[in-house]
Amino acid sequence: MLEEELKKKTTFFTAEDFYQDIQKKKGKIGIATIYRFLNEKVKNHTVHSYSCNRRTLFSREKKTHSHFICEICKEQKHVNIKNIDFLKNEISGEICHFQLDVSGICEKCLKNEKRF
């Protein structure tokens, strides 16, 4: 049952999201079982994990997960980075997936800073 539900996932999801999906269908599985299942999948490289806003996200696919975080207003935006060729020469081995957080000052805060 867990395997079948996992195959339906096409986007990022949390363990809690997965748990809710399972509860709708069977209802007898606890959240700890869900975490054990997903952590085992991460360990076996069949599911990938990412960190977002102090929460763990999971994906069946080797997706990227990147953010731009404003140092002034702390707003965080997801950024779609498709190419990391600049890193390939720096890393010996094969890159599976990546997560990148970039800090700076957002456009809105830059405009506000210039008014003073």
N, C-alpha and C. Protein backbone atom coordinates (compact mmCIF):
# COMPACT_ATOMS: atom_id res chain seq x y z
N MET A 1 0.81 -1.19 0.00
CA MET A 1 0.00 0.00 0.00
C MET A 1 0.86 1.27 0.00
N LEU A 2 1.90 1.31 0.82
CA LEU A 2 2.77 2.49 0.86
C LEU A 2 3.49 2.67 -0.47
N GLU A 3 3.95 1.57 -1.04
CA GLU A 3 4.64 1.63 -2.33
C GLU A 3 3.72 2.19 -3.42
N GLU A 4 2.48 1.72 -3.44
CA GLU A 4 1.53 2.18 -4.47
C GLU A 4 1.24 3.66 -4.32
N GLU A 5 1.10 4.11 -3.10
CA GLU A 5 0.82 5.53 -2.85
C GLU A 5 2.03 6.38 -3.21
N LEU A 6 3.22 5.87 -2.93
CA LEU A 6 4.44 6.59 -3.26
C LEU A 6 4.58 6.77 -4.77
N LYS A 7 4.21 5.78 -5.54
CA LYS A 7 4.30 5.86 -7.00
C LYS A 7 3.44 6.97 -7.57
N LYS A 8 2.42 7.39 -6.84
CA LYS A 8 1.52 8.45 -7.30
C LYS A 8 2.11 9.84 -7.12
N LYS A 9 3.15 9.96 -6.32
CA LYS A 9 3.73 11.26 -6.01
C LYS A 9 4.55 11.78 -7.19
N THR A 10 4.20 12.97 -7.66
CA THR A 10 4.90 13.57 -8.80
C THR A 10 5.55 14.91 -8.44
N THR A 11 5.30 15.39 -7.23
CA THR A 11 5.88 16.66 -6.79
C THR A 11 6.51 16.45 -5.41
N PHE A 12 7.10 17.51 -4.87
CA PHE A 12 7.62 17.46 -3.51
C PHE A 12 6.47 17.21 -2.54
N PHE A 13 6.75 16.47 -1.47
CA PHE A 13 5.75 16.21 -0.45
C PHE A 13 6.42 16.03 0.90
N THR A 14 5.66 16.25 1.95
CA THR A 14 6.17 16.03 3.31
C THR A 14 5.68 14.67 3.80
N ALA A 15 6.26 14.21 4.87
CA ALA A 15 5.80 12.96 5.48
C ALA A 15 4.36 13.12 5.95
N GLU A 16 4.02 14.31 6.42
CA GLU A 16 2.65 14.56 6.87
C GLU A 16 1.66 14.49 5.70
N ASP A 17 2.06 15.02 4.53
CA ASP A 17 1.21 14.92 3.34
C ASP A 17 0.98 13.45 2.98
N PHE A 18 2.05 12.69 2.99
CA PHE A 18 1.97 11.27 2.65
C PHE A 18 1.08 10.54 3.66
N TYR A 19 1.26 10.86 4.93
CA TYR A 19 0.46 10.28 6.00
C TYR A 19 -1.03 10.55 5.77
N GLN A 20 -1.37 11.79 5.42
CA GLN A 20 -2.77 12.15 5.17
C GLN A 20 -3.34 11.34 4.01
N ASP A 21 -2.56 11.16 2.96
CA ASP A 21 -3.01 10.37 1.81
C ASP A 21 -3.29 8.92 2.23
N ILE A 22 -2.41 8.37 3.05
CA ILE A 22 -2.58 6.99 3.52
C ILE A 22 -3.80 6.89 4.43
N GLN A 23 -3.98 7.88 5.30
CA GLN A 23 -5.11 7.87 6.23
C GLN A 23 -6.46 7.84 5.49
N LYS A 24 -6.51 8.55 4.37
CA LYS A 24 -7.74 8.58 3.59
C LYS A 24 -8.08 7.20 3.04
N LYS A 25 -7.06 6.39 2.80
CA LYS A 25 -7.29 5.09 2.19
C LYS A 25 -7.40 3.94 3.20
N LYS A 26 -6.48 3.92 4.18
CA LYS A 26 -6.43 2.78 5.10
C LYS A 26 -6.63 3.19 6.56
N GLY A 27 -6.03 4.28 6.98
CA GLY A 27 -6.24 4.79 8.32
C GLY A 27 -5.59 4.06 9.47
N LYS A 28 -4.95 2.94 9.26
CA LYS A 28 -4.40 2.15 10.37
C LYS A 28 -2.89 2.31 10.54
N ILE A 29 -2.27 3.10 9.70
CA ILE A 29 -0.81 3.25 9.75
C ILE A 29 -0.46 4.53 10.49
N GLY A 30 0.50 4.45 11.40
CA GLY A 30 0.91 5.61 12.18
C GLY A 30 1.95 6.45 11.46
N ILE A 31 2.09 7.66 11.93
CA ILE A 31 3.05 8.60 11.33
C ILE A 31 4.48 8.08 11.47
N ALA A 32 4.79 7.38 12.55
CA ALA A 32 6.15 6.84 12.74
C ALA A 32 6.47 5.83 11.65
N THR A 33 5.50 5.04 11.25
CA THR A 33 5.69 4.07 10.16
C THR A 33 5.98 4.80 8.86
N ILE A 34 5.29 5.90 8.64
CA ILE A 34 5.51 6.70 7.43
C ILE A 34 6.94 7.24 7.41
N TYR A 35 7.39 7.79 8.53
CA TYR A 35 8.77 8.30 8.61
C TYR A 35 9.78 7.19 8.39
N ARG A 36 9.58 6.03 9.00
CA ARG A 36 10.51 4.92 8.80
C ARG A 36 10.55 4.50 7.33
N PHE A 37 9.38 4.41 6.71
CA PHE A 37 9.29 4.03 5.30
C PHE A 37 10.05 5.02 4.42
N LEU A 38 9.77 6.32 4.61
CA LEU A 38 10.42 7.34 3.78
C LEU A 38 11.92 7.41 4.04
N ASN A 39 12.33 7.32 5.30
CA ASN A 39 13.76 7.35 5.62
C ASN A 39 14.50 6.16 5.02
N GLU A 40 13.86 5.01 4.99
CA GLU A 40 14.46 3.83 4.36
C GLU A 40 14.60 4.05 2.86
N LYS A 41 13.61 4.68 2.24
CA LYS A 41 13.66 4.98 0.81
C LYS A 41 14.79 5.98 0.51
N VAL A 42 14.98 6.95 1.39
CA VAL A 42 16.08 7.91 1.22
C VAL A 42 17.41 7.18 1.35
N LYS A 43 17.51 6.31 2.33
CA LYS A 43 18.74 5.54 2.56
C LYS A 43 19.08 4.68 1.33
N ASN A 44 18.04 4.13 0.68
CA ASN A 44 18.23 3.28 -0.50
C ASN A 44 18.29 4.07 -1.81
N HIS A 45 18.23 5.39 -1.71
CA HIS A 45 18.32 6.29 -2.87
C HIS A 45 17.15 6.15 -3.85
N THR A 46 16.00 5.72 -3.37
CA THR A 46 14.82 5.66 -4.23
C THR A 46 13.90 6.85 -4.00
N VAL A 47 14.13 7.58 -2.91
CA VAL A 47 13.46 8.84 -2.61
C VAL A 47 14.55 9.81 -2.19
N HIS A 48 14.37 11.08 -2.53
CA HIS A 48 15.36 12.10 -2.20
C HIS A 48 14.76 13.07 -1.19
N SER A 49 15.57 13.57 -0.28
CA SER A 49 15.06 14.49 0.74
C SER A 49 15.74 15.84 0.64
N TYR A 50 14.98 16.86 1.03
CA TYR A 50 15.41 18.25 0.97
C TYR A 50 14.91 18.96 2.23
N SER A 51 15.52 20.06 2.56
CA SER A 51 15.10 20.85 3.70
C SER A 51 14.49 22.16 3.21
N CYS A 52 13.32 22.51 3.74
CA CYS A 52 12.64 23.73 3.33
C CYS A 52 11.86 24.28 4.52
N ASN A 53 12.24 25.47 4.97
CA ASN A 53 11.56 26.10 6.11
C ASN A 53 11.52 25.18 7.33
N ARG A 54 12.64 24.59 7.64
CA ARG A 54 12.80 23.68 8.78
C ARG A 54 11.91 22.44 8.69
N ARG A 55 11.50 22.08 7.48
CA ARG A 55 10.72 20.87 7.24
C ARG A 55 11.44 20.03 6.20
N THR A 56 11.25 18.74 6.28
CA THR A 56 11.84 17.85 5.29
C THR A 56 10.83 17.60 4.18
N LEU A 57 11.28 17.82 2.95
CA LEU A 57 10.49 17.51 1.77
C LEU A 57 11.07 16.27 1.11
N PHE A 58 10.23 15.51 0.47
CA PHE A 58 10.66 14.31 -0.23
C PHE A 58 10.26 14.41 -1.69
N SER A 59 10.98 13.69 -2.53
CA SER A 59 10.66 13.61 -3.96
C SER A 59 11.12 12.25 -4.47
N ARG A 60 10.33 11.69 -5.37
CA ARG A 60 10.73 10.43 -6.00
C ARG A 60 11.77 10.69 -7.08
N GLU A 61 11.80 11.89 -7.59
CA GLU A 61 12.71 12.22 -8.68
C GLU A 61 13.90 13.03 -8.18
N LYS A 62 14.94 13.03 -8.97
CA LYS A 62 16.14 13.80 -8.64
C LYS A 62 15.90 15.25 -9.04
N LYS A 63 15.18 15.96 -8.21
CA LYS A 63 14.85 17.36 -8.49
C LYS A 63 15.80 18.26 -7.73
N THR A 64 15.86 19.49 -8.17
CA THR A 64 16.62 20.49 -7.44
C THR A 64 15.66 21.23 -6.52
N HIS A 65 16.20 21.79 -5.47
CA HIS A 65 15.38 22.58 -4.54
C HIS A 65 16.24 23.75 -4.08
N SER A 66 15.92 24.93 -4.59
CA SER A 66 16.75 26.09 -4.31
C SER A 66 15.91 27.28 -3.87
N HIS A 67 16.51 28.13 -3.04
CA HIS A 67 15.83 29.31 -2.50
C HIS A 67 16.68 30.55 -2.67
N PHE A 68 16.01 31.70 -2.77
CA PHE A 68 16.65 33.01 -2.60
C PHE A 68 16.05 33.59 -1.33
N ILE A 69 16.90 33.96 -0.38
CA ILE A 69 16.45 34.46 0.92
C ILE A 69 16.94 35.88 1.09
N CYS A 70 16.00 36.81 1.29
CA CYS A 70 16.36 38.21 1.48
C CYS A 70 16.91 38.41 2.89
N GLU A 71 18.06 39.05 2.98
CA GLU A 71 18.69 39.28 4.28
C GLU A 71 18.00 40.37 5.10
N ILE A 72 17.17 41.18 4.45
CA ILE A 72 16.49 42.26 5.17
C ILE A 72 15.10 41.83 5.63
N CYS A 73 14.23 41.45 4.68
CA CYS A 73 12.85 41.10 5.04
C CYS A 73 12.67 39.61 5.33
N LYS A 74 13.69 38.81 5.07
CA LYS A 74 13.69 37.37 5.33
C LYS A 74 12.75 36.58 4.43
N GLU A 75 12.17 37.24 3.41
CA GLU A 75 11.30 36.52 2.49
C GLU A 75 12.12 35.46 1.75
N GLN A 76 11.51 34.32 1.59
CA GLN A 76 12.17 33.20 0.91
C GLN A 76 11.38 32.84 -0.33
N LYS A 77 12.06 32.77 -1.45
CA LYS A 77 11.40 32.41 -2.71
C LYS A 77 12.09 31.19 -3.30
N HIS A 78 11.28 30.30 -3.86
CA HIS A 78 11.84 29.16 -4.56
C HIS A 78 12.40 29.63 -5.90
N VAL A 79 13.56 29.09 -6.25
CA VAL A 79 14.24 29.45 -7.48
C VAL A 79 14.45 28.17 -8.28
N ASN A 80 14.17 28.21 -9.55
CA ASN A 80 14.34 27.04 -10.40
C ASN A 80 15.72 27.11 -11.08
N ILE A 81 16.67 26.37 -10.55
CA ILE A 81 18.02 26.32 -11.10
C ILE A 81 18.17 24.98 -11.81
N LYS A 82 18.40 25.03 -13.09
CA LYS A 82 18.46 23.80 -13.88
C LYS A 82 19.89 23.35 -14.17
N ASN A 83 20.84 24.27 -14.11
CA ASN A 83 22.18 23.94 -14.55
C ASN A 83 23.18 24.26 -13.45
N ILE A 84 23.95 23.26 -13.07
CA ILE A 84 25.01 23.47 -12.07
C ILE A 84 26.36 23.03 -12.63
N ASP A 85 26.54 23.24 -13.90
CA ASP A 85 27.80 22.84 -14.54
C ASP A 85 29.01 23.44 -13.83
N PHE A 86 28.85 24.63 -13.26
CA PHE A 86 29.97 25.27 -12.56
C PHE A 86 30.47 24.43 -11.39
N LEU A 87 29.64 23.55 -10.85
CA LEU A 87 30.05 22.70 -9.72
C LEU A 87 30.69 21.39 -10.15
N LYS A 88 30.39 20.94 -11.35
CA LYS A 88 30.86 19.63 -11.77
C LYS A 88 32.38 19.49 -11.74
N ASN A 89 33.08 20.56 -12.02
CA ASN A 89 34.55 20.51 -11.99
C ASN A 89 35.10 20.54 -10.56
N GLU A 90 34.27 20.96 -9.62
CA GLU A 90 34.71 21.08 -8.23
C GLU A 90 34.44 19.81 -7.41
N ILE A 91 33.61 18.94 -7.93
CA ILE A 91 33.19 17.76 -7.17
C ILE A 91 33.64 16.50 -7.90
N SER A 92 34.38 15.67 -7.18
CA SER A 92 34.73 14.38 -7.77
C SER A 92 33.61 13.41 -7.43
N GLY A 93 33.05 12.83 -8.43
CA GLY A 93 31.90 11.95 -8.23
C GLY A 93 30.73 12.44 -9.07
N GLU A 94 29.59 11.87 -8.81
CA GLU A 94 28.39 12.19 -9.59
C GLU A 94 27.37 12.91 -8.71
N ILE A 95 26.84 14.01 -9.21
CA ILE A 95 25.82 14.75 -8.48
C ILE A 95 24.47 14.10 -8.74
N CYS A 96 23.78 13.75 -7.67
CA CYS A 96 22.45 13.12 -7.77
C CYS A 96 21.38 14.20 -7.86
N HIS A 97 21.31 15.05 -6.86
CA HIS A 97 20.39 16.17 -6.80
C HIS A 97 21.02 17.20 -5.89
N PHE A 98 20.47 18.40 -5.87
CA PHE A 98 21.07 19.40 -5.00
C PHE A 98 20.01 20.33 -4.43
N GLN A 99 20.41 20.96 -3.32
CA GLN A 99 19.63 22.01 -2.69
C GLN A 99 20.58 23.17 -2.50
N LEU A 100 20.11 24.37 -2.83
CA LEU A 100 20.96 25.54 -2.77
C LEU A 100 20.18 26.69 -2.16
N ASP A 101 20.75 27.35 -1.17
CA ASP A 101 20.16 28.56 -0.61
C ASP A 101 21.08 29.72 -0.94
N VAL A 102 20.51 30.74 -1.56
CA VAL A 102 21.26 31.93 -1.95
C VAL A 102 20.71 33.10 -1.15
N SER A 103 21.59 33.85 -0.48
CA SER A 103 21.17 35.01 0.30
C SER A 103 21.51 36.29 -0.44
N GLY A 104 20.69 37.30 -0.23
CA GLY A 104 20.93 38.60 -0.85
C GLY A 104 19.87 39.57 -0.39
N ILE A 105 19.64 40.60 -1.18
CA ILE A 105 18.62 41.59 -0.87
C ILE A 105 17.64 41.61 -2.03
N CYS A 106 16.36 41.41 -1.72
CA CYS A 106 15.34 41.34 -2.76
C CYS A 106 15.12 42.72 -3.39
N GLU A 107 14.48 42.71 -4.53
CA GLU A 107 14.25 43.94 -5.29
C GLU A 107 13.45 44.96 -4.48
N LYS A 108 12.43 44.50 -3.76
CA LYS A 108 11.60 45.40 -2.95
C LYS A 108 12.44 46.09 -1.87
N CYS A 109 13.27 45.33 -1.19
CA CYS A 109 14.11 45.91 -0.13
C CYS A 109 15.17 46.83 -0.72
N LEU A 110 15.69 46.51 -1.88
CA LEU A 110 16.65 47.40 -2.55
C LEU A 110 16.02 48.75 -2.84
N LYS A 111 14.79 48.73 -3.33
CA LYS A 111 14.07 49.99 -3.61
C LYS A 111 13.83 50.78 -2.34
N ASN A 112 13.46 50.09 -1.25
CA ASN A 112 13.23 50.77 0.03
C ASN A 112 14.50 51.36 0.60
N GLU A 113 15.62 50.67 0.43
CA GLU A 113 16.92 51.16 0.92
C GLU A 113 17.32 52.43 0.20
N LYS A 114 17.01 52.55 -1.08
CA LYS A 114 17.41 53.70 -1.88
C LYS A 114 16.61 54.95 -1.54
N ARG A 115 15.44 54.77 -0.87
CA ARG A 115 14.63 55.93 -0.51
C ARG A 115 15.21 56.69 0.67
N PHE A 116 16.10 56.09 1.44
CA PHE A 116 16.63 56.74 2.64
C PHE A 116 17.96 57.36 2.40
